[in-house]
C-alpha cells in the first residue's frame, strides 16, 4: 500500500496499491462506510467499493455485492473517526 486517505466527514476511503506484476498502481475507492462496535473492537462495513482495474471491479461487485465487514483495531479506528 503506497497511500491511504480517509475522509471521516464524507465516510470515504481512497487506497493506492503497487501490486507485483502490475505496471501501474491500483486504486481502490470506498464510498460510504459505517463503523460498528463489536466486542472489544469494531467492524467497518463497506457498501460501495470500486477498483481502477476493470477485472478487479467486476470480481468485487460479484463477491461483495451485499457489502463486507472487516474487523479493525482500536488504533485504526482512531484514524477513521
N, C-alpha and C. Protein backbone atom coordinates (compact mmCIF):
# COMPACT_ATOMS: atom_id res chain seq x y z
N UNK A 1 0.86 -1.16 0.00
CA UNK A 1 0.00 0.00 0.00
C UNK A 1 0.91 1.22 0.00
N UNK A 2 0.69 2.09 -0.97
CA UNK A 2 1.52 3.29 -1.06
C UNK A 2 0.84 4.51 -0.47
N UNK A 3 -0.50 4.48 -0.40
CA UNK A 3 -1.19 5.59 0.25
C UNK A 3 -2.60 5.18 0.65
N UNK A 4 -3.06 5.86 1.69
CA UNK A 4 -4.46 5.70 2.12
C UNK A 4 -4.93 7.06 2.61
N UNK A 5 -6.06 7.49 2.11
CA UNK A 5 -6.67 8.75 2.52
C UNK A 5 -8.06 8.45 3.06
N UNK A 6 -8.29 8.83 4.30
CA UNK A 6 -9.57 8.58 4.95
C UNK A 6 -10.25 9.92 5.20
N UNK A 7 -11.46 10.06 4.69
CA UNK A 7 -12.25 11.27 4.91
C UNK A 7 -13.44 10.89 5.77
N UNK A 8 -13.33 11.15 7.07
CA UNK A 8 -14.37 10.73 8.00
C UNK A 8 -15.66 11.54 7.84
N UNK A 9 -15.56 12.75 7.29
CA UNK A 9 -16.78 13.54 7.09
C UNK A 9 -17.65 12.96 5.98
N UNK A 10 -17.01 12.60 4.87
CA UNK A 10 -17.79 12.04 3.76
C UNK A 10 -17.86 10.52 3.82
N UNK A 11 -17.20 9.92 4.83
CA UNK A 11 -17.19 8.46 5.01
C UNK A 11 -16.65 7.77 3.76
N UNK A 12 -15.49 8.27 3.27
CA UNK A 12 -14.87 7.68 2.09
C UNK A 12 -13.41 7.36 2.37
N UNK A 13 -12.90 6.38 1.63
CA UNK A 13 -11.50 5.96 1.77
C UNK A 13 -10.94 5.77 0.36
N UNK A 14 -9.74 6.28 0.13
CA UNK A 14 -9.03 6.08 -1.14
C UNK A 14 -7.71 5.38 -0.82
N UNK A 15 -7.46 4.28 -1.51
CA UNK A 15 -6.26 3.47 -1.27
C UNK A 15 -5.53 3.29 -2.60
N UNK A 16 -4.22 3.36 -2.54
CA UNK A 16 -3.41 3.08 -3.73
C UNK A 16 -2.43 1.97 -3.39
N UNK A 17 -2.37 0.97 -4.27
CA UNK A 17 -1.51 -0.19 -4.08
C UNK A 17 -0.57 -0.36 -5.26
N UNK A 18 0.63 -0.84 -4.99
CA UNK A 18 1.53 -1.26 -6.06
C UNK A 18 1.61 -2.78 -5.96
N UNK A 19 1.02 -3.46 -6.93
CA UNK A 19 0.97 -4.92 -6.92
C UNK A 19 2.00 -5.51 -7.86
N UNK A 20 2.62 -6.58 -7.43
CA UNK A 20 3.59 -7.28 -8.25
C UNK A 20 2.91 -7.74 -9.55
N UNK A 21 3.55 -7.49 -10.66
CA UNK A 21 3.01 -7.88 -11.96
C UNK A 21 2.16 -6.81 -12.61
N UNK A 22 1.83 -5.76 -11.89
CA UNK A 22 1.05 -4.65 -12.45
C UNK A 22 2.00 -3.52 -12.81
N UNK A 23 1.83 -2.93 -13.99
CA UNK A 23 2.72 -1.86 -14.41
C UNK A 23 2.35 -0.49 -13.85
N UNK A 24 1.14 -0.37 -13.34
CA UNK A 24 0.68 0.90 -12.74
C UNK A 24 0.05 0.61 -11.39
N UNK A 25 -0.01 1.61 -10.50
CA UNK A 25 -0.67 1.40 -9.21
C UNK A 25 -2.16 1.10 -9.40
N UNK A 26 -2.72 0.36 -8.46
CA UNK A 26 -4.14 0.05 -8.44
C UNK A 26 -4.81 0.95 -7.41
N UNK A 27 -5.89 1.58 -7.81
CA UNK A 27 -6.64 2.46 -6.89
C UNK A 27 -7.92 1.77 -6.44
N UNK A 28 -8.23 1.94 -5.17
CA UNK A 28 -9.46 1.42 -4.60
C UNK A 28 -10.19 2.59 -3.97
N UNK A 29 -11.47 2.73 -4.27
CA UNK A 29 -12.28 3.81 -3.68
C UNK A 29 -13.45 3.20 -2.94
N UNK A 30 -13.62 3.62 -1.72
CA UNK A 30 -14.74 3.19 -0.89
C UNK A 30 -15.58 4.41 -0.61
N UNK A 31 -16.82 4.36 -1.01
CA UNK A 31 -17.75 5.47 -0.76
C UNK A 31 -18.82 4.99 0.21
N UNK A 32 -18.79 5.53 1.38
CA UNK A 32 -19.77 5.17 2.38
C UNK A 32 -19.34 3.96 3.18
N UNK A 33 -18.93 4.20 4.39
CA UNK A 33 -18.62 3.11 5.31
C UNK A 33 -19.28 3.42 6.64
N UNK A 34 -19.50 2.38 7.42
CA UNK A 34 -20.11 2.52 8.74
C UNK A 34 -19.23 1.76 9.73
N UNK A 35 -18.96 2.37 10.86
CA UNK A 35 -18.19 1.72 11.91
C UNK A 35 -19.16 1.29 13.01
N UNK A 36 -19.10 0.00 13.37
CA UNK A 36 -19.98 -0.54 14.41
C UNK A 36 -19.15 -1.23 15.48
N UNK A 37 -19.51 -1.04 16.76
CA UNK A 37 -18.79 -1.74 17.82
C UNK A 37 -19.03 -3.24 17.74
N UNK A 38 -18.01 -4.02 18.08
CA UNK A 38 -18.12 -5.48 18.07
C UNK A 38 -17.18 -6.02 19.14
N UNK A 39 -17.72 -6.45 20.26
CA UNK A 39 -16.90 -6.96 21.35
C UNK A 39 -15.91 -5.91 21.82
N UNK A 40 -14.63 -6.28 21.88
CA UNK A 40 -13.59 -5.35 22.31
C UNK A 40 -13.13 -4.42 21.19
N UNK A 41 -13.47 -4.76 19.96
CA UNK A 41 -13.04 -3.96 18.82
C UNK A 41 -14.21 -3.35 18.09
N UNK A 42 -14.06 -3.22 16.79
CA UNK A 42 -15.10 -2.66 15.93
C UNK A 42 -15.07 -3.34 14.58
N UNK A 43 -16.14 -3.14 13.83
CA UNK A 43 -16.23 -3.60 12.45
C UNK A 43 -16.43 -2.39 11.56
N UNK A 44 -15.80 -2.41 10.40
CA UNK A 44 -16.09 -1.39 9.41
C UNK A 44 -16.88 -2.09 8.31
N UNK A 45 -18.08 -1.59 8.05
CA UNK A 45 -18.93 -2.16 7.00
C UNK A 45 -18.80 -1.29 5.76
N UNK A 46 -18.42 -1.95 4.68
CA UNK A 46 -18.19 -1.28 3.41
C UNK A 46 -19.32 -1.63 2.45
N UNK A 47 -19.94 -0.62 1.90
CA UNK A 47 -21.03 -0.86 0.96
C UNK A 47 -20.60 -0.74 -0.48
N UNK A 48 -20.10 0.42 -0.89
CA UNK A 48 -19.76 0.69 -2.28
C UNK A 48 -18.24 0.75 -2.43
N UNK A 49 -17.69 -0.14 -3.23
CA UNK A 49 -16.25 -0.18 -3.46
C UNK A 49 -16.00 -0.29 -4.96
N UNK A 50 -14.96 0.41 -5.43
CA UNK A 50 -14.61 0.33 -6.85
C UNK A 50 -13.10 0.28 -7.00
N UNK A 51 -12.66 -0.38 -8.08
CA UNK A 51 -11.24 -0.56 -8.36
C UNK A 51 -10.90 0.07 -9.70
N UNK A 52 -9.64 0.48 -9.85
CA UNK A 52 -9.21 1.09 -11.11
C UNK A 52 -9.01 0.06 -12.22
N UNK A 53 -8.94 -1.21 -11.86
CA UNK A 53 -8.83 -2.27 -12.85
C UNK A 53 -10.20 -2.90 -13.06
N UNK A 54 -10.62 -2.95 -14.31
CA UNK A 54 -11.97 -3.44 -14.60
C UNK A 54 -12.19 -4.86 -14.08
N UNK A 55 -11.22 -5.74 -14.26
CA UNK A 55 -11.40 -7.13 -13.83
C UNK A 55 -11.54 -7.23 -12.32
N UNK A 56 -10.82 -6.39 -11.57
CA UNK A 56 -10.94 -6.38 -10.12
C UNK A 56 -12.30 -5.84 -9.70
N UNK A 57 -12.74 -4.82 -10.41
CA UNK A 57 -14.03 -4.20 -10.11
C UNK A 57 -15.17 -5.20 -10.33
N UNK A 58 -15.11 -5.96 -11.43
CA UNK A 58 -16.13 -6.96 -11.73
C UNK A 58 -16.17 -8.03 -10.64
N UNK A 59 -15.00 -8.52 -10.25
CA UNK A 59 -14.94 -9.54 -9.19
C UNK A 59 -15.49 -8.99 -7.88
N UNK A 60 -15.10 -7.78 -7.53
CA UNK A 60 -15.58 -7.18 -6.28
C UNK A 60 -17.09 -7.04 -6.28
N UNK A 61 -17.65 -6.59 -7.38
CA UNK A 61 -19.10 -6.41 -7.45
C UNK A 61 -19.83 -7.74 -7.28
N UNK A 62 -19.25 -8.82 -7.78
CA UNK A 62 -19.88 -10.14 -7.66
C UNK A 62 -19.68 -10.75 -6.29
N UNK A 63 -18.46 -10.65 -5.75
CA UNK A 63 -18.15 -11.31 -4.48
C UNK A 63 -18.66 -10.57 -3.26
N UNK A 64 -18.70 -9.25 -3.33
CA UNK A 64 -19.13 -8.50 -2.16
C UNK A 64 -20.33 -7.60 -2.48
N UNK A 65 -21.24 -8.15 -3.26
CA UNK A 65 -22.43 -7.40 -3.68
C UNK A 65 -23.26 -6.92 -2.48
N UNK A 66 -23.26 -7.70 -1.41
CA UNK A 66 -24.04 -7.34 -0.22
C UNK A 66 -23.21 -6.57 0.80
N UNK A 67 -22.03 -6.14 0.42
CA UNK A 67 -21.16 -5.42 1.33
C UNK A 67 -20.22 -6.38 2.04
N UNK A 68 -19.32 -5.82 2.80
CA UNK A 68 -18.33 -6.60 3.51
C UNK A 68 -18.06 -5.95 4.86
N UNK A 69 -17.81 -6.76 5.87
CA UNK A 69 -17.46 -6.26 7.19
C UNK A 69 -16.05 -6.71 7.52
N UNK A 70 -15.23 -5.76 7.98
CA UNK A 70 -13.83 -6.04 8.29
C UNK A 70 -13.56 -5.63 9.73
N UNK A 71 -13.01 -6.55 10.54
CA UNK A 71 -12.63 -6.17 11.91
C UNK A 71 -11.49 -5.15 11.86
N UNK A 72 -11.54 -4.16 12.73
CA UNK A 72 -10.48 -3.15 12.76
C UNK A 72 -9.97 -2.97 14.18
N UNK A 73 -8.71 -2.61 14.27
CA UNK A 73 -8.07 -2.41 15.56
C UNK A 73 -8.45 -1.03 16.12
N UNK A 74 -8.35 -0.87 17.43
CA UNK A 74 -8.63 0.44 18.04
C UNK A 74 -7.73 1.56 17.47
N UNK A 75 -6.47 1.24 17.12
CA UNK A 75 -5.56 2.24 16.55
C UNK A 75 -6.08 2.78 15.22
N UNK A 76 -6.52 1.86 14.36
CA UNK A 76 -7.04 2.28 13.06
C UNK A 76 -8.39 2.99 13.24
N UNK A 77 -9.18 2.56 14.19
CA UNK A 77 -10.46 3.20 14.45
C UNK A 77 -10.29 4.68 14.76
N UNK A 78 -9.26 5.03 15.51
CA UNK A 78 -9.00 6.44 15.83
C UNK A 78 -8.77 7.26 14.56
N UNK A 79 -8.11 6.69 13.55
CA UNK A 79 -7.85 7.39 12.31
C UNK A 79 -9.12 7.55 11.48
N UNK A 80 -10.00 6.57 11.54
CA UNK A 80 -11.21 6.60 10.74
C UNK A 80 -12.23 7.58 11.29
N UNK A 81 -12.31 7.65 12.61
CA UNK A 81 -13.27 8.55 13.23
C UNK A 81 -12.67 9.92 13.36
